[in-house]
C-alpha cells in the first residue's frame, strides 16, 4: 500500500508544480506587458529629445 500513497503524493506534487508554472506564466506575461510599455515610453521620450 505504500506505493499507492507514494503515487498519490507524486500526483499531488505534480499538480502543485503545474499550478506554480501557470502562476509564473501569468507573471511573465505581466512583466512582458510592463517592459513593452516602458520601451514604448522610452522611444517616445527619445523622439521628443530629437526634436
PDB file of N, CA and C in Angstrom:
ATOM      1  N   UNK A   1       0.812  -1.209   0.000  1.00  0.00           N
ATOM      2  CA  UNK A   1       0.000   0.000   0.000  1.00  0.00           C
ATOM      3  C   UNK A   1       0.850   1.265   0.000  1.00  0.00           C
ATOM      4  N   UNK A   2       2.101   1.121   0.372  1.00  0.00           N
ATOM      5  CA  UNK A   2       2.962   2.307   0.403  1.00  0.00           C
ATOM      6  C   UNK A   2       3.082   2.929  -0.984  1.00  0.00           C
ATOM      7  N   UNK A   3       3.095   2.086  -2.020  1.00  0.00           N
ATOM      8  CA  UNK A   3       3.252   2.612  -3.372  1.00  0.00           C
ATOM      9  C   UNK A   3       2.053   3.458  -3.793  1.00  0.00           C
ATOM     10  N   UNK A   4       0.849   3.093  -3.311  1.00  0.00           N
ATOM     11  CA  UNK A   4      -0.339   3.878  -3.666  1.00  0.00           C
ATOM     12  C   UNK A   4      -0.257   5.268  -3.034  1.00  0.00           C
ATOM     13  N   UNK A   5       0.136   5.343  -1.773  1.00  0.00           N
ATOM     14  CA  UNK A   5       0.250   6.651  -1.133  1.00  0.00           C
ATOM     15  C   UNK A   5       1.386   7.447  -1.767  1.00  0.00           C
ATOM     16  N   UNK A   6       2.434   6.740  -2.187  1.00  0.00           N
ATOM     17  CA  UNK A   6       3.546   7.400  -2.867  1.00  0.00           C
ATOM     18  C   UNK A   6       3.082   7.982  -4.207  1.00  0.00           C
ATOM     19  N   UNK A   7       2.274   7.223  -4.938  1.00  0.00           N
ATOM     20  CA  UNK A   7       1.742   7.713  -6.211  1.00  0.00           C
ATOM     21  C   UNK A   7       0.823   8.912  -5.991  1.00  0.00           C
ATOM     22  N   UNK A   8       0.008   8.859  -4.927  1.00  0.00           N
ATOM     23  CA  UNK A   8      -0.868   9.992  -4.628  1.00  0.00           C
ATOM     24  C   UNK A   8      -0.047  11.242  -4.326  1.00  0.00           C
ATOM     25  N   UNK A   9       1.073  11.058  -3.599  1.00  0.00           N
ATOM     26  CA  UNK A   9       1.941  12.202  -3.281  1.00  0.00           C
ATOM     27  C   UNK A   9       2.590  12.745  -4.552  1.00  0.00           C
ATOM     28  N   UNK A  10       3.022  11.858  -5.424  1.00  0.00           N
ATOM     29  CA  UNK A  10       3.627  12.294  -6.691  1.00  0.00           C
ATOM     30  C   UNK A  10       2.608  13.084  -7.509  1.00  0.00           C
ATOM     31  N   UNK A  11       1.365  12.607  -7.563  1.00  0.00           N
ATOM     32  CA  UNK A  11       0.322  13.316  -8.300  1.00  0.00           C
ATOM     33  C   UNK A  11       0.062  14.681  -7.667  1.00  0.00           C
ATOM     34  N   UNK A  12       0.022  14.725  -6.345  1.00  0.00           N
ATOM     35  CA  UNK A  12      -0.192  15.993  -5.642  1.00  0.00           C
ATOM     36  C   UNK A  12       0.952  16.966  -5.945  1.00  0.00           C
ATOM     37  N   UNK A  13       2.202  16.462  -5.906  1.00  0.00           N
ATOM     38  CA  UNK A  13       3.364  17.297  -6.214  1.00  0.00           C
ATOM     39  C   UNK A  13       3.306  17.795  -7.657  1.00  0.00           C
ATOM     40  N   UNK A  14       2.919  16.894  -8.572  1.00  0.00           N
ATOM     41  CA  UNK A  14       2.818  17.274  -9.984  1.00  0.00           C
ATOM     42  C   UNK A  14       1.769  18.367 -10.171  1.00  0.00           C
ATOM     43  N   UNK A  15       0.615  18.182  -9.549  1.00  0.00           N
ATOM     44  CA  UNK A  15      -0.450  19.183  -9.659  1.00  0.00           C
ATOM     45  C   UNK A  15       0.004  20.526  -9.090  1.00  0.00           C
ATOM     46  N   UNK A  16       0.765  20.480  -7.994  1.00  0.00           N
ATOM     47  CA  UNK A  16       1.302  21.711  -7.416  1.00  0.00           C
ATOM     48  C   UNK A  16       2.263  22.406  -8.366  1.00  0.00           C
ATOM     49  N   UNK A  17       3.106  21.633  -9.022  1.00  0.00           N
ATOM     50  CA  UNK A  17       4.057  22.206  -9.978  1.00  0.00           C
ATOM     51  C   UNK A  17       3.334  22.812 -11.178  1.00  0.00           C
ATOM     52  N   UNK A  18       2.294  22.117 -11.655  1.00  0.00           N
ATOM     53  CA  UNK A  18       1.509  22.643 -12.774  1.00  0.00           C
ATOM     54  C   UNK A  18       0.901  23.982 -12.378  1.00  0.00           C
ATOM     55  N   UNK A  19       0.390  24.065 -11.168  1.00  0.00           N
ATOM     56  CA  UNK A  19      -0.200  25.305 -10.663  1.00  0.00           C
ATOM     57  C   UNK A  19       0.863  26.409 -10.572  1.00  0.00           C
ATOM     58  N   UNK A  20       2.043  26.052 -10.060  1.00  0.00           N
ATOM     59  CA  UNK A  20       3.137  27.024  -9.958  1.00  0.00           C
ATOM     60  C   UNK A  20       3.537  27.541 -11.332  1.00  0.00           C
ATOM     61  N   UNK A  21       3.639  26.639 -12.294  1.00  0.00           N
ATOM     62  CA  UNK A  21       4.025  27.031 -13.655  1.00  0.00           C
ATOM     63  C   UNK A  21       2.987  27.971 -14.259  1.00  0.00           C
ATOM     64  N   UNK A  22       1.710  27.676 -14.049  1.00  0.00           N
ATOM     65  CA  UNK A  22       0.649  28.539 -14.573  1.00  0.00           C
ATOM     66  C   UNK A  22       0.742  29.934 -13.957  1.00  0.00           C
ATOM     67  N   UNK A  23       0.998  30.000 -12.655  1.00  0.00           N
ATOM     68  CA  UNK A  23       1.116  31.298 -11.979  1.00  0.00           C
ATOM     69  C   UNK A  23       2.331  32.067 -12.490  1.00  0.00           C
ATOM     70  N   UNK A  24       3.456  31.373 -12.650  1.00  0.00           N
ATOM     71  CA  UNK A  24       4.668  32.022 -13.159  1.00  0.00           C
ATOM     72  C   UNK A  24       4.463  32.524 -14.589  1.00  0.00           C
ATOM     73  N   UNK A  25       3.726  31.754 -15.380  1.00  0.00           N
ATOM     74  CA  UNK A  25       3.446  32.164 -16.762  1.00  0.00           C
ATOM     75  C   UNK A  25       2.656  33.468 -16.768  1.00  0.00           C
ATOM     76  N   UNK A  26       1.656  33.563 -15.897  1.00  0.00           N
ATOM     77  CA  UNK A  26       0.869  34.795 -15.799  1.00  0.00           C
ATOM     78  C   UNK A  26       1.749  35.969 -15.392  1.00  0.00           C
ATOM     79  N   UNK A  27       2.683  35.728 -14.456  1.00  0.00           N
ATOM     80  CA  UNK A  27       3.580  36.790 -14.019  1.00  0.00           C
ATOM     81  C   UNK A  27       4.508  37.222 -15.155  1.00  0.00           C
ATOM     82  N   UNK A  28       4.977  36.261 -15.938  1.00  0.00           N
ATOM     83  CA  UNK A  28       5.843  36.600 -17.072  1.00  0.00           C
ATOM     84  C   UNK A  28       5.094  37.424 -18.114  1.00  0.00           C
ATOM     85  N   UNK A  29       3.848  37.055 -18.376  1.00  0.00           N
ATOM     86  CA  UNK A  29       3.044  37.813 -19.330  1.00  0.00           C
ATOM     87  C   UNK A  29       2.882  39.245 -18.828  1.00  0.00           C
ATOM     88  N   UNK A  30       2.621  39.407 -17.532  1.00  0.00           N
ATOM     89  CA  UNK A  30       2.511  40.739 -16.946  1.00  0.00           C
ATOM     90  C   UNK A  30       3.807  41.515 -17.060  1.00  0.00           C
ATOM     91  N   UNK A  31       4.921  40.850 -16.801  1.00  0.00           N
ATOM     92  CA  UNK A  31       6.227  41.506 -16.897  1.00  0.00           C
ATOM     93  C   UNK A  31       6.516  41.914 -18.341  1.00  0.00           C
ATOM     94  N   UNK A  32       6.157  41.075 -19.303  1.00  0.00           N
ATOM     95  CA  UNK A  32       6.357  41.418 -20.711  1.00  0.00           C
ATOM     96  C   UNK A  32       5.542  42.644 -21.085  1.00  0.00           C
ATOM     97  N   UNK A  33       4.316  42.730 -20.573  1.00  0.00           N
ATOM     98  CA  UNK A  33       3.464  43.881 -20.850  1.00  0.00           C
ATOM     99  C   UNK A  33       4.106  45.150 -20.289  1.00  0.00           C
ATOM    100  N   UNK A  34       4.604  45.077 -19.057  1.00  0.00           N
ATOM    101  CA  UNK A  34       5.238  46.241 -18.430  1.00  0.00           C
ATOM    102  C   UNK A  34       6.482  46.656 -19.209  1.00  0.00           C
ATOM    103  N   UNK A  35       7.304  45.688 -19.597  1.00  0.00           N
ATOM    104  CA  UNK A  35       8.515  46.006 -20.365  1.00  0.00           C
ATOM    105  C   UNK A  35       8.168  46.637 -21.705  1.00  0.00           C
ATOM    106  N   UNK A  36       7.156  46.119 -22.363  1.00  0.00           N
ATOM    107  CA  UNK A  36       6.724  46.673 -23.640  1.00  0.00           C
ATOM    108  C   UNK A  36       6.267  48.121 -23.464  1.00  0.00           C
ATOM    109  N   UNK A  37       5.487  48.361 -22.417  1.00  0.00           N
ATOM    110  CA  UNK A  37       5.002  49.718 -22.130  1.00  0.00           C
ATOM    111  C   UNK A  37       6.176  50.659 -21.852  1.00  0.00           C
ATOM    112  N   UNK A  38       7.132  50.203 -21.041  1.00  0.00           N
ATOM    113  CA  UNK A  38       8.285  51.052 -20.719  1.00  0.00           C
ATOM    114  C   UNK A  38       9.134  51.332 -21.955  1.00  0.00           C
ATOM    115  N   UNK A  39       9.326  50.315 -22.804  1.00  0.00           N
ATOM    116  CA  UNK A  39      10.091  50.524 -24.034  1.00  0.00           C
ATOM    117  C   UNK A  39       9.403  51.546 -24.933  1.00  0.00           C
ATOM    118  N   UNK A  40       8.069  51.484 -25.003  1.00  0.00           N
ATOM    119  CA  UNK A  40       7.317  52.449 -25.798  1.00  0.00           C
ATOM    120  C   UNK A  40       7.532  53.856 -25.250  1.00  0.00           C
ATOM    121  N   UNK A  41       7.479  54.018 -23.934  1.00  0.00           N
ATOM    122  CA  UNK A  41       7.664  55.332 -23.313  1.00  0.00           C
ATOM    123  C   UNK A  41       9.085  55.846 -23.548  1.00  0.00           C
ATOM    124  N   UNK A  42      10.072  54.949 -23.502  1.00  0.00           N
ATOM    125  CA  UNK A  42      11.458  55.342 -23.761  1.00  0.00           C
ATOM    126  C   UNK A  42      11.599  55.836 -25.201  1.00  0.00           C
ATOM    127  N   UNK A  43      10.996  55.102 -26.145  1.00  0.00           N
ATOM    128  CA  UNK A  43      11.067  55.509 -27.544  1.00  0.00           C
ATOM    129  C   UNK A  43      10.401  56.864 -27.755  1.00  0.00           C
ATOM    130  N   UNK A  44       9.262  57.072 -27.102  1.00  0.00           N
ATOM    131  CA  UNK A  44       8.575  58.366 -27.214  1.00  0.00           C
ATOM    132  C   UNK A  44       9.450  59.483 -26.651  1.00  0.00           C
ATOM    133  N   UNK A  45      10.101  59.225 -25.525  1.00  0.00           N
ATOM    134  CA  UNK A  45      10.962  60.230 -24.906  1.00  0.00           C
ATOM    135  C   UNK A  45      12.174  60.522 -25.793  1.00  0.00           C
ATOM    136  N   UNK A  46      12.727  59.481 -26.419  1.00  0.00           N
ATOM    137  CA  UNK A  46      13.867  59.682 -27.307  1.00  0.00           C
ATOM    138  C   UNK A  46      13.460  60.509 -28.523  1.00  0.00           C
ATOM    139  N   UNK A  47      12.269  60.268 -29.068  1.00  0.00           N
ATOM    140  CA  UNK A  47      11.782  61.058 -30.200  1.00  0.00           C
ATOM    141  C   UNK A  47      11.601  62.515 -29.797  1.00  0.00           C
ATOM    142  N   UNK A  48      11.082  62.740 -28.593  1.00  0.00           N
ATOM    143  CA  UNK A  48      10.918  64.101 -28.093  1.00  0.00           C
ATOM    144  C   UNK A  48      12.275  64.781 -27.948  1.00  0.00           C
ATOM    145  N   UNK A  49      13.280  64.034 -27.531  1.00  0.00           N
ATOM    146  CA  UNK A  49      14.628  64.580 -27.365  1.00  0.00           C
ATOM    147  C   UNK A  49      15.280  64.952 -28.682  1.00  0.00           C
ATOM    148  N   UNK A  50      14.884  64.289 -29.767  1.00  0.00           N
ATOM    149  CA  UNK A  50      15.454  64.572 -31.085  1.00  0.00           C
ATOM    150  C   UNK A  50      14.892  65.850 -31.684  1.00  0.00           C
ATOM    151  N   UNK A  51      13.723  66.280 -31.205  1.00  0.00           N
ATOM    152  CA  UNK A  51      13.086  67.462 -31.777  1.00  0.00           C
ATOM    153  C   UNK A  51      13.792  68.731 -31.386  1.00  0.00           C
TER     154      UNK A  51
END
